[in-house]
N, C-alpha and C. Protein backbone atom coordinates (compact mmCIF):
# COMPACT_ATOMS: atom_id res chain seq x y z
N UNK A 1 140.93 52.86 116.82
CA UNK A 1 141.56 53.77 115.87
C UNK A 1 140.64 54.93 115.50
N UNK A 2 139.32 54.67 115.45
CA UNK A 2 138.38 55.74 115.15
C UNK A 2 138.42 56.82 116.23
N UNK A 3 138.54 56.37 117.48
CA UNK A 3 138.60 57.33 118.60
C UNK A 3 139.83 58.22 118.46
N UNK A 4 140.98 57.61 118.17
CA UNK A 4 142.22 58.37 118.02
C UNK A 4 142.14 59.29 116.80
N UNK A 5 141.56 58.78 115.71
CA UNK A 5 141.43 59.60 114.50
C UNK A 5 140.56 60.83 114.77
N UNK A 6 139.46 60.65 115.49
CA UNK A 6 138.59 61.78 115.82
C UNK A 6 139.31 62.78 116.73
N UNK A 7 140.10 62.26 117.67
CA UNK A 7 140.89 63.14 118.54
C UNK A 7 141.88 63.96 117.74
N UNK A 8 142.52 63.33 116.76
CA UNK A 8 143.47 64.04 115.91
C UNK A 8 142.77 65.11 115.08
N UNK A 9 141.59 64.76 114.54
CA UNK A 9 140.86 65.72 113.70
C UNK A 9 140.50 66.97 114.50
N UNK A 10 139.90 66.77 115.68
CA UNK A 10 139.51 67.93 116.48
C UNK A 10 140.73 68.66 117.03
N UNK A 11 141.81 67.95 117.32
CA UNK A 11 143.03 68.61 117.77
C UNK A 11 143.60 69.51 116.69
N UNK A 12 143.60 69.03 115.44
CA UNK A 12 144.10 69.84 114.33
C UNK A 12 143.19 71.03 114.06
N UNK A 13 141.87 70.81 114.17
CA UNK A 13 140.94 71.92 114.00
C UNK A 13 141.19 73.00 115.03
N UNK A 14 141.37 72.57 116.28
CA UNK A 14 141.58 73.54 117.35
C UNK A 14 142.90 74.28 117.20
N UNK A 15 143.93 73.57 116.76
CA UNK A 15 145.25 74.21 116.69
C UNK A 15 145.36 75.20 115.54
N UNK A 16 144.51 75.05 114.49
CA UNK A 16 144.56 76.03 113.39
C UNK A 16 143.42 77.03 113.49
N UNK A 17 142.66 76.97 114.59
CA UNK A 17 141.64 78.00 114.83
C UNK A 17 142.36 79.24 115.32
N UNK A 18 142.63 80.16 114.40
CA UNK A 18 143.53 81.28 114.66
C UNK A 18 142.83 82.34 115.50
N UNK A 19 143.41 82.64 116.64
CA UNK A 19 142.86 83.64 117.54
C UNK A 19 143.96 84.31 118.33
N UNK A 20 143.61 85.04 119.40
CA UNK A 20 144.61 85.79 120.17
C UNK A 20 145.67 84.90 120.81
N UNK A 21 145.29 83.69 121.23
CA UNK A 21 146.28 82.80 121.86
C UNK A 21 147.33 82.38 120.84
N UNK A 22 146.91 82.14 119.61
CA UNK A 22 147.84 81.76 118.54
C UNK A 22 148.92 82.83 118.39
N UNK A 23 148.50 84.08 118.27
CA UNK A 23 149.46 85.16 118.05
C UNK A 23 150.32 85.42 119.28
N UNK A 24 149.74 85.28 120.45
CA UNK A 24 150.52 85.48 121.67
C UNK A 24 151.61 84.43 121.79
N UNK A 25 151.28 83.19 121.42
CA UNK A 25 152.27 82.11 121.48
C UNK A 25 153.41 82.37 120.50
N UNK A 26 153.06 82.76 119.26
CA UNK A 26 154.09 83.04 118.26
C UNK A 26 154.96 84.21 118.68
N UNK A 27 154.31 85.29 119.11
CA UNK A 27 155.06 86.49 119.50
C UNK A 27 155.94 86.22 120.71
N UNK A 28 155.42 85.47 121.67
CA UNK A 28 156.18 85.15 122.87
C UNK A 28 157.44 84.36 122.51
N UNK A 29 157.29 83.43 121.57
CA UNK A 29 158.43 82.62 121.15
C UNK A 29 159.47 83.45 120.41
N UNK A 30 158.99 84.37 119.57
CA UNK A 30 159.92 85.23 118.83
C UNK A 30 160.71 86.11 119.79
N UNK A 31 160.03 86.68 120.79
CA UNK A 31 160.68 87.63 121.69
C UNK A 31 161.51 86.95 122.77
N UNK A 32 161.02 85.80 123.28
CA UNK A 32 161.64 85.20 124.47
C UNK A 32 162.36 83.89 124.20
N UNK A 33 162.17 83.31 123.02
CA UNK A 33 162.84 82.06 122.71
C UNK A 33 161.95 80.84 122.85
N UNK A 34 162.51 79.69 122.48
CA UNK A 34 161.74 78.44 122.41
C UNK A 34 161.13 78.06 123.74
N UNK A 35 161.91 78.10 124.83
CA UNK A 35 161.41 77.59 126.11
C UNK A 35 160.30 78.45 126.68
N UNK A 36 160.34 79.74 126.41
CA UNK A 36 159.23 80.60 126.85
C UNK A 36 157.95 80.18 126.16
N UNK A 37 158.03 79.93 124.85
CA UNK A 37 156.86 79.45 124.12
C UNK A 37 156.44 78.07 124.56
N UNK A 38 157.41 77.20 124.85
CA UNK A 38 157.10 75.83 125.28
C UNK A 38 156.28 75.85 126.57
N UNK A 39 156.75 76.61 127.56
CA UNK A 39 156.04 76.64 128.84
C UNK A 39 154.70 77.36 128.73
N UNK A 40 154.60 78.31 127.82
CA UNK A 40 153.30 78.92 127.58
C UNK A 40 152.35 77.89 127.00
N UNK A 41 152.85 77.03 126.10
CA UNK A 41 152.02 75.95 125.54
C UNK A 41 151.58 74.97 126.63
N UNK A 42 152.44 74.73 127.61
CA UNK A 42 152.07 73.88 128.75
C UNK A 42 150.87 74.49 129.49
N UNK A 43 150.92 75.80 129.70
CA UNK A 43 149.82 76.48 130.37
C UNK A 43 148.53 76.42 129.57
N UNK A 44 148.63 76.58 128.26
CA UNK A 44 147.45 76.50 127.40
C UNK A 44 146.83 75.11 127.48
N UNK A 45 147.67 74.08 127.37
CA UNK A 45 147.17 72.70 127.45
C UNK A 45 146.55 72.41 128.80
N UNK A 46 147.13 72.97 129.86
CA UNK A 46 146.60 72.74 131.21
C UNK A 46 145.21 73.34 131.37
N UNK A 47 145.00 74.53 130.84
CA UNK A 47 143.67 75.15 130.95
C UNK A 47 142.65 74.39 130.11
N UNK A 48 143.07 73.89 128.95
CA UNK A 48 142.17 73.08 128.13
C UNK A 48 141.79 71.80 128.87
N UNK A 49 142.78 71.15 129.50
CA UNK A 49 142.51 69.92 130.25
C UNK A 49 141.53 70.17 131.39
N UNK A 50 141.68 71.30 132.07
CA UNK A 50 140.75 71.64 133.16
C UNK A 50 139.34 71.81 132.64
N UNK A 51 139.19 72.52 131.53
CA UNK A 51 137.86 72.71 130.94
C UNK A 51 137.26 71.37 130.49
N UNK A 52 138.09 70.49 129.98
CA UNK A 52 137.60 69.17 129.56
C UNK A 52 137.03 68.41 130.75
N UNK A 53 137.77 68.40 131.85
CA UNK A 53 137.30 67.70 133.05
C UNK A 53 135.97 68.29 133.52
N UNK A 54 135.89 69.61 133.56
CA UNK A 54 134.68 70.27 134.05
C UNK A 54 133.49 69.98 133.14
N UNK A 55 133.67 70.16 131.84
CA UNK A 55 132.54 70.01 130.91
C UNK A 55 132.14 68.55 130.73
N UNK A 56 133.12 67.68 130.50
CA UNK A 56 132.76 66.28 130.23
C UNK A 56 132.19 65.58 131.45
N UNK A 57 132.83 65.75 132.60
CA UNK A 57 132.31 65.10 133.81
C UNK A 57 130.95 65.66 134.18
N UNK A 58 130.78 66.97 134.01
CA UNK A 58 129.49 67.57 134.34
C UNK A 58 128.38 67.06 133.45
N UNK A 59 128.70 66.93 132.15
CA UNK A 59 127.69 66.45 131.20
C UNK A 59 127.41 64.97 131.38
N UNK A 60 128.45 64.17 131.59
CA UNK A 60 128.28 62.73 131.67
C UNK A 60 127.47 62.30 132.88
N UNK A 61 127.41 63.14 133.92
CA UNK A 61 126.65 62.78 135.11
C UNK A 61 125.15 62.76 134.85
N UNK A 62 124.67 63.52 133.86
CA UNK A 62 123.24 63.61 133.62
C UNK A 62 122.89 63.25 132.18
N UNK A 63 123.76 62.46 131.55
CA UNK A 63 123.59 62.18 130.14
C UNK A 63 122.45 61.21 129.88
N UNK A 64 121.97 60.48 130.88
CA UNK A 64 120.89 59.52 130.68
C UNK A 64 119.51 60.17 130.63
N UNK A 65 119.44 61.45 130.90
CA UNK A 65 118.17 62.17 130.83
C UNK A 65 117.91 62.55 129.37
N UNK A 66 116.87 61.95 128.76
CA UNK A 66 116.63 62.14 127.34
C UNK A 66 116.33 63.59 126.99
N UNK A 67 115.51 64.25 127.83
CA UNK A 67 115.19 65.66 127.57
C UNK A 67 116.45 66.52 127.63
N UNK A 68 117.29 66.25 128.62
CA UNK A 68 118.55 66.98 128.74
C UNK A 68 119.42 66.75 127.51
N UNK A 69 119.46 65.52 127.02
CA UNK A 69 120.28 65.21 125.85
C UNK A 69 119.85 66.04 124.64
N UNK A 70 118.54 66.19 124.45
CA UNK A 70 118.05 66.98 123.33
C UNK A 70 118.43 68.45 123.47
N UNK A 71 118.30 68.98 124.69
CA UNK A 71 118.71 70.36 124.94
C UNK A 71 120.21 70.51 124.73
N UNK A 72 120.97 69.54 125.23
CA UNK A 72 122.42 69.60 125.09
C UNK A 72 122.84 69.55 123.63
N UNK A 73 122.19 68.67 122.85
CA UNK A 73 122.51 68.59 121.43
C UNK A 73 122.21 69.90 120.72
N UNK A 74 121.07 70.52 121.06
CA UNK A 74 120.72 71.80 120.45
C UNK A 74 121.68 72.91 120.83
N UNK A 75 122.00 73.00 122.12
CA UNK A 75 122.92 74.04 122.59
C UNK A 75 124.32 73.82 122.04
N UNK A 76 124.80 72.56 122.11
CA UNK A 76 126.14 72.26 121.59
C UNK A 76 126.23 72.53 120.09
N UNK A 77 125.17 72.16 119.35
CA UNK A 77 125.16 72.42 117.91
C UNK A 77 125.16 73.91 117.62
N UNK A 78 124.37 74.67 118.39
CA UNK A 78 124.30 76.12 118.19
C UNK A 78 125.65 76.78 118.47
N UNK A 79 126.32 76.34 119.55
CA UNK A 79 127.63 76.89 119.88
C UNK A 79 128.63 76.59 118.77
N UNK A 80 128.64 75.33 118.31
CA UNK A 80 129.59 74.95 117.26
C UNK A 80 129.29 75.68 115.96
N UNK A 81 127.99 75.83 115.65
CA UNK A 81 127.60 76.57 114.45
C UNK A 81 128.06 78.03 114.55
N UNK A 82 127.89 78.64 115.73
CA UNK A 82 128.31 80.03 115.93
C UNK A 82 129.82 80.16 115.76
N UNK A 83 130.58 79.21 116.32
CA UNK A 83 132.02 79.22 116.14
C UNK A 83 132.39 79.14 114.66
N UNK A 84 131.69 78.27 113.95
CA UNK A 84 131.98 78.12 112.54
C UNK A 84 131.71 79.40 111.75
N UNK A 85 130.57 80.03 112.01
CA UNK A 85 130.22 81.26 111.29
C UNK A 85 131.17 82.40 111.64
N UNK A 86 131.49 82.52 112.94
CA UNK A 86 132.42 83.57 113.35
C UNK A 86 133.79 83.35 112.71
N UNK A 87 134.23 82.09 112.67
CA UNK A 87 135.53 81.78 112.08
C UNK A 87 135.57 82.14 110.61
N UNK A 88 134.45 81.95 109.90
CA UNK A 88 134.40 82.26 108.47
C UNK A 88 134.39 83.76 108.21
N UNK A 89 133.62 84.50 109.01
CA UNK A 89 133.35 85.91 108.68
C UNK A 89 134.16 86.91 109.51
N UNK A 90 134.86 86.47 110.55
CA UNK A 90 135.55 87.46 111.38
C UNK A 90 136.72 88.08 110.62
N UNK A 91 136.97 89.37 110.82
CA UNK A 91 138.11 90.03 110.16
C UNK A 91 139.42 89.56 110.78
N UNK A 92 140.48 89.63 110.02
CA UNK A 92 141.79 89.23 110.52
C UNK A 92 142.64 90.46 110.74
N UNK A 93 143.52 90.44 111.76
CA UNK A 93 144.37 91.61 112.02
C UNK A 93 145.38 91.82 110.92
N UNK A 94 145.58 93.07 110.55
CA UNK A 94 146.49 93.40 109.45
C UNK A 94 147.93 93.10 109.82
N UNK A 95 148.28 93.29 111.08
CA UNK A 95 149.67 93.13 111.50
C UNK A 95 150.08 91.68 111.68
N UNK A 96 149.12 90.74 111.60
CA UNK A 96 149.46 89.33 111.69
C UNK A 96 150.10 88.95 112.99
N UNK A 97 151.12 88.10 112.90
CA UNK A 97 151.71 87.53 114.11
C UNK A 97 152.65 88.48 114.83
N UNK A 98 152.93 89.63 114.27
CA UNK A 98 153.90 90.51 114.91
C UNK A 98 153.23 91.46 115.89
N UNK A 99 152.31 90.91 116.69
CA UNK A 99 151.68 91.67 117.75
C UNK A 99 152.17 91.14 119.08
N UNK A 100 152.02 91.94 120.13
CA UNK A 100 152.42 91.45 121.44
C UNK A 100 153.18 92.49 122.21
N UNK A 101 153.65 92.07 123.41
CA UNK A 101 154.39 92.99 124.23
C UNK A 101 155.37 92.22 125.10
N UNK A 102 156.31 92.91 125.66
CA UNK A 102 157.36 92.29 126.46
C UNK A 102 156.82 91.77 127.79
N UNK A 103 157.30 90.60 128.18
CA UNK A 103 157.00 90.06 129.49
C UNK A 103 158.21 89.25 129.95
N UNK A 104 158.24 88.98 131.25
CA UNK A 104 159.32 88.17 131.79
C UNK A 104 159.26 86.77 131.20
N UNK A 105 160.44 86.13 131.02
CA UNK A 105 160.50 84.82 130.39
C UNK A 105 160.62 83.69 131.41
N UNK A 106 160.40 83.95 132.72
CA UNK A 106 160.44 82.89 133.73
C UNK A 106 159.45 81.79 133.41
N UNK A 107 159.86 80.52 133.60
CA UNK A 107 159.03 79.41 133.14
C UNK A 107 157.67 79.39 133.83
N UNK A 108 157.62 79.66 135.14
CA UNK A 108 156.34 79.63 135.84
C UNK A 108 155.43 80.76 135.36
N UNK A 109 156.02 81.91 135.12
CA UNK A 109 155.24 83.04 134.61
C UNK A 109 154.66 82.71 133.24
N UNK A 110 155.44 82.01 132.41
CA UNK A 110 154.96 81.66 131.08
C UNK A 110 153.84 80.61 131.13
N UNK A 111 153.95 79.65 132.05
CA UNK A 111 152.88 78.68 132.24
C UNK A 111 151.60 79.39 132.66
N UNK A 112 151.72 80.30 133.62
CA UNK A 112 150.55 81.05 134.10
C UNK A 112 149.97 81.92 132.99
N UNK A 113 150.86 82.51 132.20
CA UNK A 113 150.40 83.36 131.10
C UNK A 113 149.54 82.55 130.12
N UNK A 114 150.06 81.38 129.72
CA UNK A 114 149.31 80.53 128.80
C UNK A 114 148.01 80.04 129.41
N UNK A 115 148.06 79.66 130.70
CA UNK A 115 146.87 79.12 131.38
C UNK A 115 145.76 80.16 131.45
N UNK A 116 146.11 81.35 131.90
CA UNK A 116 145.08 82.37 132.10
C UNK A 116 144.65 83.04 130.78
N UNK A 117 145.59 83.21 129.85
CA UNK A 117 145.22 83.81 128.57
C UNK A 117 144.21 82.93 127.85
N UNK A 118 144.41 81.63 127.91
CA UNK A 118 143.48 80.68 127.29
C UNK A 118 142.23 80.48 128.15
N UNK A 119 142.44 80.40 129.48
CA UNK A 119 141.35 80.05 130.38
C UNK A 119 140.32 81.13 130.60
N UNK A 120 140.72 82.40 130.53
CA UNK A 120 139.77 83.47 130.82
C UNK A 120 138.90 83.81 129.61
N UNK A 121 139.19 83.19 128.47
CA UNK A 121 138.39 83.42 127.28
C UNK A 121 137.11 82.57 127.37
N UNK A 122 135.94 83.19 127.51
CA UNK A 122 134.71 82.40 127.65
C UNK A 122 134.42 81.53 126.44
N UNK A 123 134.92 81.91 125.28
CA UNK A 123 134.68 81.11 124.08
C UNK A 123 135.38 79.76 124.16
N UNK A 124 136.47 79.68 124.93
CA UNK A 124 137.14 78.40 125.11
C UNK A 124 136.22 77.43 125.86
N UNK A 125 135.57 77.92 126.92
CA UNK A 125 134.62 77.09 127.66
C UNK A 125 133.47 76.65 126.75
N UNK A 126 132.92 77.58 125.98
CA UNK A 126 131.82 77.24 125.08
C UNK A 126 132.26 76.19 124.07
N UNK A 127 133.50 76.32 123.58
CA UNK A 127 134.02 75.36 122.61
C UNK A 127 134.07 73.97 123.22
N UNK A 128 134.55 73.86 124.45
CA UNK A 128 134.67 72.54 125.07
C UNK A 128 133.31 71.97 125.43
N UNK A 129 132.33 72.82 125.72
CA UNK A 129 130.96 72.33 125.93
C UNK A 129 130.45 71.67 124.65
N UNK A 130 130.71 72.32 123.51
CA UNK A 130 130.25 71.76 122.24
C UNK A 130 130.96 70.44 121.93
N UNK A 131 132.27 70.36 122.22
CA UNK A 131 133.01 69.12 121.97
C UNK A 131 132.53 68.01 122.90
N UNK A 132 132.33 68.35 124.17
CA UNK A 132 131.86 67.34 125.14
C UNK A 132 130.49 66.81 124.75
N UNK A 133 129.64 67.69 124.25
CA UNK A 133 128.31 67.25 123.83
C UNK A 133 128.40 66.33 122.62
N UNK A 134 129.32 66.61 121.71
CA UNK A 134 129.49 65.76 120.53
C UNK A 134 130.02 64.39 120.93
N UNK A 135 130.97 64.36 121.87
CA UNK A 135 131.55 63.10 122.31
C UNK A 135 130.50 62.22 122.98
N UNK A 136 129.67 62.82 123.82
CA UNK A 136 128.70 62.04 124.59
C UNK A 136 127.45 61.69 123.79
N UNK A 137 127.05 62.54 122.85
CA UNK A 137 125.80 62.32 122.13
C UNK A 137 126.01 61.64 120.77
N UNK A 138 126.88 62.21 119.93
CA UNK A 138 127.10 61.64 118.60
C UNK A 138 127.99 60.41 118.64
N UNK A 139 129.11 60.52 119.30
CA UNK A 139 130.06 59.42 119.32
C UNK A 139 129.70 58.35 120.36
N UNK A 140 129.03 58.77 121.43
CA UNK A 140 128.60 57.86 122.51
C UNK A 140 129.76 57.02 123.05
N UNK A 141 130.85 57.70 123.34
CA UNK A 141 132.02 57.02 123.89
C UNK A 141 131.78 56.65 125.35
N UNK A 142 132.36 55.52 125.76
CA UNK A 142 132.40 55.22 127.18
C UNK A 142 133.56 56.01 127.79
N UNK A 143 133.75 55.89 129.09
CA UNK A 143 134.76 56.70 129.76
C UNK A 143 136.17 56.45 129.23
N UNK A 144 136.47 55.18 128.93
CA UNK A 144 137.81 54.86 128.41
C UNK A 144 138.01 55.49 127.04
N UNK A 145 137.02 55.37 126.16
CA UNK A 145 137.13 55.94 124.82
C UNK A 145 137.19 57.46 124.88
N UNK A 146 136.37 58.06 125.76
CA UNK A 146 136.39 59.51 125.90
C UNK A 146 137.75 60.00 126.39
N UNK A 147 138.34 59.26 127.34
CA UNK A 147 139.66 59.62 127.85
C UNK A 147 140.69 59.55 126.73
N UNK A 148 140.62 58.48 125.92
CA UNK A 148 141.55 58.33 124.79
C UNK A 148 141.37 59.48 123.80
N UNK A 149 140.13 59.83 123.52
CA UNK A 149 139.83 60.92 122.59
C UNK A 149 140.43 62.23 123.08
N UNK A 150 140.16 62.58 124.34
CA UNK A 150 140.62 63.87 124.85
C UNK A 150 142.13 63.91 125.03
N UNK A 151 142.74 62.79 125.44
CA UNK A 151 144.20 62.75 125.57
C UNK A 151 144.84 62.94 124.20
N UNK A 152 144.28 62.27 123.17
CA UNK A 152 144.79 62.43 121.81
C UNK A 152 144.63 63.87 121.34
N UNK A 153 143.47 64.46 121.63
CA UNK A 153 143.21 65.83 121.23
C UNK A 153 144.19 66.80 121.87
N UNK A 154 144.34 66.70 123.19
CA UNK A 154 145.24 67.61 123.91
C UNK A 154 146.69 67.40 123.47
N UNK A 155 147.08 66.13 123.28
CA UNK A 155 148.45 65.85 122.84
C UNK A 155 148.70 66.44 121.45
N UNK A 156 147.68 66.37 120.58
CA UNK A 156 147.82 66.95 119.24
C UNK A 156 147.97 68.47 119.31
N UNK A 157 147.12 69.11 120.10
CA UNK A 157 147.19 70.56 120.25
C UNK A 157 148.53 70.98 120.84
N UNK A 158 148.96 70.28 121.89
CA UNK A 158 150.22 70.63 122.54
C UNK A 158 151.40 70.42 121.58
N UNK A 159 151.39 69.30 120.87
CA UNK A 159 152.47 69.03 119.92
C UNK A 159 152.54 70.09 118.83
N UNK A 160 151.38 70.50 118.32
CA UNK A 160 151.35 71.54 117.29
C UNK A 160 151.78 72.89 117.85
N UNK A 161 151.42 73.16 119.10
CA UNK A 161 151.86 74.41 119.72
C UNK A 161 153.37 74.45 119.89
N UNK A 162 153.96 73.30 120.22
CA UNK A 162 155.42 73.23 120.34
C UNK A 162 156.06 73.46 118.97
N UNK A 163 155.46 72.89 117.92
CA UNK A 163 155.98 73.12 116.57
C UNK A 163 155.85 74.59 116.18
N UNK A 164 154.73 75.21 116.55
CA UNK A 164 154.58 76.65 116.28
C UNK A 164 155.69 77.43 116.97
N UNK A 165 155.99 77.03 118.20
CA UNK A 165 157.05 77.70 118.95
C UNK A 165 158.39 77.52 118.26
N UNK A 166 158.67 76.30 117.83
CA UNK A 166 159.96 76.00 117.21
C UNK A 166 160.15 76.77 115.89
N UNK A 167 159.07 76.84 115.11
CA UNK A 167 159.15 77.50 113.81
C UNK A 167 158.57 78.92 113.86
N UNK A 168 158.60 79.53 115.03
CA UNK A 168 157.92 80.80 115.23
C UNK A 168 158.41 81.90 114.28
N UNK A 169 159.70 81.98 114.05
CA UNK A 169 160.23 83.03 113.18
C UNK A 169 159.71 82.89 111.77
N UNK A 170 159.70 81.66 111.25
CA UNK A 170 159.18 81.43 109.91
C UNK A 170 157.67 81.63 109.87
N UNK A 171 156.99 81.19 110.94
CA UNK A 171 155.54 81.35 110.98
C UNK A 171 155.13 82.81 110.94
N UNK A 172 155.93 83.66 111.56
CA UNK A 172 155.60 85.08 111.58
C UNK A 172 155.59 85.67 110.17
N UNK A 173 156.33 85.03 109.24
CA UNK A 173 156.34 85.48 107.87
C UNK A 173 155.25 84.79 107.04
N UNK A 174 154.92 83.54 107.41
CA UNK A 174 153.93 82.77 106.65
C UNK A 174 152.52 83.21 106.96
N UNK A 175 152.25 83.52 108.24
CA UNK A 175 150.88 83.83 108.66
C UNK A 175 150.49 85.23 108.22
N UNK A 176 150.13 85.35 106.96
CA UNK A 176 149.67 86.60 106.38
C UNK A 176 148.15 86.71 106.57
N UNK A 177 147.58 87.90 106.38
CA UNK A 177 146.11 88.01 106.47
C UNK A 177 145.38 87.05 105.54
N UNK A 178 145.91 86.83 104.33
CA UNK A 178 145.26 85.91 103.40
C UNK A 178 145.30 84.48 103.93
N UNK A 179 146.44 84.08 104.47
CA UNK A 179 146.58 82.74 105.04
C UNK A 179 145.60 82.55 106.20
N UNK A 180 145.50 83.55 107.07
CA UNK A 180 144.60 83.45 108.21
C UNK A 180 143.15 83.34 107.77
N UNK A 181 142.79 84.09 106.73
CA UNK A 181 141.41 84.05 106.24
C UNK A 181 141.08 82.66 105.69
N UNK A 182 142.02 82.06 104.96
CA UNK A 182 141.79 80.72 104.41
C UNK A 182 141.65 79.70 105.53
N UNK A 183 142.55 79.75 106.51
CA UNK A 183 142.50 78.80 107.62
C UNK A 183 141.21 78.95 108.41
N UNK A 184 140.82 80.18 108.67
CA UNK A 184 139.59 80.42 109.42
C UNK A 184 138.38 79.86 108.68
N UNK A 185 138.36 80.01 107.37
CA UNK A 185 137.23 79.50 106.59
C UNK A 185 137.20 77.97 106.58
N UNK A 186 138.37 77.35 106.48
CA UNK A 186 138.43 75.88 106.51
C UNK A 186 137.90 75.36 107.83
N UNK A 187 138.38 75.94 108.93
CA UNK A 187 137.92 75.52 110.26
C UNK A 187 136.44 75.81 110.43
N UNK A 188 136.00 76.98 109.97
CA UNK A 188 134.59 77.35 110.10
C UNK A 188 133.67 76.37 109.40
N UNK A 189 134.02 75.98 108.18
CA UNK A 189 133.19 75.03 107.44
C UNK A 189 133.15 73.68 108.15
N UNK A 190 134.30 73.24 108.65
CA UNK A 190 134.34 71.96 109.36
C UNK A 190 133.46 71.99 110.61
N UNK A 191 133.53 73.09 111.36
CA UNK A 191 132.71 73.19 112.58
C UNK A 191 131.22 73.23 112.25
N UNK A 192 130.86 73.89 111.16
CA UNK A 192 129.46 73.93 110.76
C UNK A 192 128.96 72.53 110.41
N UNK A 193 129.79 71.75 109.72
CA UNK A 193 129.41 70.37 109.39
C UNK A 193 129.22 69.53 110.65
N UNK A 194 130.13 69.69 111.61
CA UNK A 194 129.99 68.96 112.87
C UNK A 194 128.73 69.40 113.62
N UNK A 195 128.41 70.69 113.54
CA UNK A 195 127.21 71.17 114.23
C UNK A 195 125.95 70.56 113.63
N UNK A 196 125.95 70.31 112.32
CA UNK A 196 124.80 69.70 111.68
C UNK A 196 124.55 68.29 112.21
N UNK A 197 125.62 67.59 112.56
CA UNK A 197 125.45 66.25 113.13
C UNK A 197 124.77 66.34 114.49
N UNK A 198 125.11 67.35 115.26
CA UNK A 198 124.45 67.52 116.56
C UNK A 198 122.99 67.90 116.38
N UNK A 199 122.70 68.78 115.43
CA UNK A 199 121.31 69.13 115.16
C UNK A 199 120.52 67.90 114.68
N UNK A 200 121.19 67.04 113.92
CA UNK A 200 120.54 65.82 113.45
C UNK A 200 120.17 64.92 114.63
N UNK A 201 121.04 64.87 115.63
CA UNK A 201 120.74 64.09 116.83
C UNK A 201 119.46 64.58 117.49
N UNK A 202 119.31 65.90 117.58
CA UNK A 202 118.10 66.48 118.18
C UNK A 202 116.88 66.13 117.35
N UNK A 203 116.99 66.28 116.03
CA UNK A 203 115.85 65.98 115.17
C UNK A 203 115.48 64.51 115.22
N UNK A 204 116.48 63.65 115.35
CA UNK A 204 116.18 62.21 115.47
C UNK A 204 115.33 61.94 116.71
N UNK A 205 115.57 62.74 117.76
CA UNK A 205 114.77 62.59 118.97
C UNK A 205 113.30 62.91 118.76
N UNK A 206 113.03 63.69 117.70
CA UNK A 206 111.65 64.03 117.34
C UNK A 206 111.15 63.25 116.12
N UNK A 207 111.97 62.24 115.72
CA UNK A 207 111.54 61.38 114.62
C UNK A 207 111.96 61.81 113.24
N UNK A 208 112.94 62.74 113.15
CA UNK A 208 113.40 63.20 111.85
C UNK A 208 114.88 62.88 111.71
N UNK A 209 115.36 62.86 110.46
CA UNK A 209 116.78 62.62 110.20
C UNK A 209 117.17 63.40 108.95
N UNK A 210 117.90 64.51 109.13
CA UNK A 210 118.26 65.37 107.99
C UNK A 210 119.25 64.71 107.06
N UNK A 211 119.91 63.62 107.52
CA UNK A 211 120.86 62.92 106.67
C UNK A 211 120.24 61.68 106.04
N UNK A 212 119.00 61.41 106.40
CA UNK A 212 118.27 60.33 105.75
C UNK A 212 118.78 58.94 106.04
N UNK A 213 119.50 58.77 107.14
CA UNK A 213 120.02 57.44 107.45
C UNK A 213 119.91 57.12 108.90
């Protein structure tokens, strides 16, 4: 249950991390309808799944190297800390969710749109590196637990994206600049706290513990 709970927590954090993909999904649903948004969400989830396979499998192959683990913890913590700070301080667009442009609503085109829009963002890769490092270093999941964690995470993100699509018209009115600023700060603080756990792992390797336990 802890594995599933952690997957849900990170899935919810990721789904409310407001960025260009969020607005593209909402706008696409408003302009093209539910199924256009649904298939775009499929593409987004597919690119996330690909990044998970690349980052987690790559990291898990060399996770027994203690020096590498310390470097990984430091890099993963720094990435997560940077995401948190950027989320807190980044400006929000004045026009909110009513941004975007016309595109064809063919299902395959929408899947590709979601896949590439999410996949070509280098910050998405950095985000998954930080999550993979947390899973392998802090949580120390075995392959079965890691699979359960990531499946829960992706299912949570996909389910929330489908809900965003379904309620897209109402969301376009709810997602005001003030709302976005609050959500970004909540996510930013949470990511900073998670990054501190990774930094603590590194310090423990040198005989220190910032949490005193």
